[in-house]
Amino acid sequence: MQSVLIVIHLMIVVALVVTVLLQRSEGGALGVGGGSGFMTGRGQANVLTRATAILAALFFATSLGLTVLARFNQAPSSILQRVEPAKPAAGQAPAPAAGGNLLDQLKKIEDQRQAAPPAAPPAR
């Protein structure tokens, strides 16, 4: 289904580019245009304008269809499911114990640091 929609989308894109290029230039940014063009006259301008509008609407419809199909084929995921819990680094304090409040936990950490011998400075 998706490949069929992609082929239709590409055909609409090519047709849209051709209809835009066939339109008469009004002098735009390049300073060219006016005079006698390939398709001049009011009737051709109305047909090309309508064709451009219809092709643009079809382009948006096929783009939205491709987006919906791409999302439909994807498994649902959440940003929160992809995040792993942070692991403490070597120099960080250990995880808090289950009992006691914050002040008790800080006191235990302080006692552990005082009981451990001071680390030797790194050799240079």
Protein backbone atom coordinates (compact mmCIF):
# COMPACT_ATOMS: atom_id res chain seq x y z
CA MET A 1 0.00 0.00 0.00
CA GLN A 2 2.78 2.36 0.93
CA SER A 3 4.72 1.79 -2.30
CA VAL A 4 1.59 2.48 -4.38
CA LEU A 5 1.05 5.74 -2.51
CA ILE A 6 4.70 6.70 -3.03
CA VAL A 7 4.40 6.15 -6.79
CA ILE A 8 1.21 8.25 -6.92
CA HIS A 9 2.92 10.93 -4.81
CA LEU A 10 5.91 11.07 -7.18
CA MET A 11 3.63 11.36 -10.23
CA ILE A 12 1.79 14.24 -8.55
CA VAL A 13 5.11 15.93 -7.75
CA VAL A 14 6.28 15.72 -11.37
CA ALA A 15 2.92 17.01 -12.65
CA LEU A 16 2.99 19.87 -10.13
CA VAL A 17 6.49 20.91 -11.18
CA VAL A 18 5.49 20.86 -14.84
CA THR A 19 2.34 22.95 -14.27
CA VAL A 20 4.27 25.52 -12.25
CA LEU A 21 6.93 25.79 -14.95
CA LEU A 22 4.31 26.17 -17.70
CA GLN A 23 2.73 29.20 -16.07
CA ARG A 24 3.48 32.59 -17.50
CA SER A 25 6.08 34.56 -15.61
CA GLU A 26 4.95 37.89 -14.21
CA GLY A 27 8.41 39.34 -14.09
CA GLY A 28 9.37 38.06 -10.61
CA ALA A 29 12.76 38.37 -9.04
CA LEU A 30 14.78 37.57 -12.17
CA GLY A 31 13.35 40.49 -14.12
CA VAL A 32 12.26 38.32 -17.04
CA GLY A 33 8.81 37.50 -18.29
CA GLY A 34 5.88 39.20 -19.93
CA GLY A 35 5.74 39.45 -23.71
CA SER A 36 4.85 36.35 -25.66
CA GLY A 37 5.02 33.09 -23.77
CA PHE A 38 4.42 29.50 -24.72
CA MET A 39 0.87 29.52 -23.40
CA THR A 40 -0.64 32.98 -23.41
CA GLY A 41 -4.17 34.06 -22.90
CA ARG A 42 -6.66 34.05 -20.13
CA GLY A 43 -8.10 30.60 -20.70
CA GLN A 44 -4.78 28.83 -20.29
CA ALA A 45 -3.97 30.82 -17.15
CA ASN A 46 -7.21 29.75 -15.48
CA VAL A 47 -6.69 26.11 -16.41
CA LEU A 48 -3.10 26.14 -15.15
CA THR A 49 -4.10 27.91 -11.95
CA ARG A 50 -6.83 25.37 -11.24
CA ALA A 51 -4.54 22.47 -12.13
CA THR A 52 -1.86 23.82 -9.80
CA ALA A 53 -4.34 24.17 -6.94
CA ILE A 54 -5.72 20.66 -7.46
CA LEU A 55 -2.25 19.12 -7.71
CA ALA A 56 -1.14 21.01 -4.60
CA ALA A 57 -4.14 19.66 -2.66
CA LEU A 58 -3.39 16.13 -3.88
CA PHE A 59 0.27 16.60 -2.90
CA PHE A 60 -0.71 17.52 0.66
CA ALA A 61 -3.19 14.64 0.83
CA THR A 62 -0.63 12.06 -0.30
CA SER A 63 1.98 13.54 2.05
CA LEU A 64 -0.39 13.20 4.99
CA GLY A 65 -1.32 9.70 3.86
CA LEU A 66 2.32 8.64 3.74
CA THR A 67 2.89 10.10 7.20
CA VAL A 68 -0.08 8.23 8.65
CA LEU A 69 1.02 4.98 7.01
CA ALA A 70 4.57 5.37 8.30
CA ARG A 71 3.32 6.03 11.82
CA PHE A 72 0.76 3.21 11.62
CA ASN A 73 3.45 0.63 10.83
CA GLN A 74 5.61 1.75 13.75
CA ALA A 75 5.28 0.26 17.22
CA PRO A 76 4.08 2.70 19.87
CA SER A 77 6.87 4.06 22.00
CA SER A 78 7.34 6.61 24.69
CA ILE A 79 10.29 8.77 25.53
CA LEU A 80 10.01 7.68 29.15
CA GLN A 81 10.35 4.01 28.21
CA ARG A 82 13.67 4.64 26.47
CA VAL A 83 15.29 6.45 29.41
CA GLU A 84 17.41 4.28 31.67
CA PRO A 85 17.76 5.19 35.35
CA ALA A 86 20.96 7.03 36.17
CA LYS A 87 23.70 4.98 37.78
CA PRO A 88 25.84 6.64 40.45
CA ALA A 89 29.41 7.37 39.46
CA ALA A 90 32.40 6.16 41.45
CA GLY A 91 32.81 9.39 43.42
CA GLN A 92 29.14 9.88 44.30
CA ALA A 93 27.42 9.03 47.54
CA PRO A 94 25.80 5.61 47.85
CA ALA A 95 22.07 5.20 47.43
CA PRO A 96 20.09 6.22 50.52
CA ALA A 97 19.04 3.53 52.95
CA ALA A 98 15.40 2.57 53.25
CA GLY A 99 15.02 3.83 56.83
CA GLY A 100 15.53 7.25 58.38
CA ASN A 101 15.10 10.75 57.13
CA LEU A 102 17.47 12.84 55.06
CA LEU A 103 19.49 14.08 58.04
CA ASP A 104 20.08 10.52 59.25
CA GLN A 105 21.25 9.46 55.82
CA LEU A 106 23.65 12.41 55.59
CA LYS A 107 25.02 11.57 59.04
CA LYS A 108 25.71 7.97 57.93
CA ILE A 109 27.55 9.19 54.84
CA GLU A 110 29.62 11.59 56.96
CA ASP A 111 30.51 8.80 59.38
CA GLN A 112 31.56 6.53 56.51
CA ARG A 113 33.86 9.20 55.12
CA GLN A 114 35.48 9.88 58.49
CA ALA A 115 36.03 6.17 59.16
CA ALA A 116 37.75 5.57 55.83
CA PRO A 117 41.45 6.44 55.61
CA PRO A 118 42.25 9.50 53.51
CA ALA A 119 43.12 8.76 49.92
CA ALA A 120 46.72 9.24 48.88
CA PRO A 121 47.28 12.11 46.44
CA PRO A 122 47.94 11.01 42.88
CA ALA A 123 51.58 10.61 41.91
CA ARG A 124 52.98 13.11 39.47
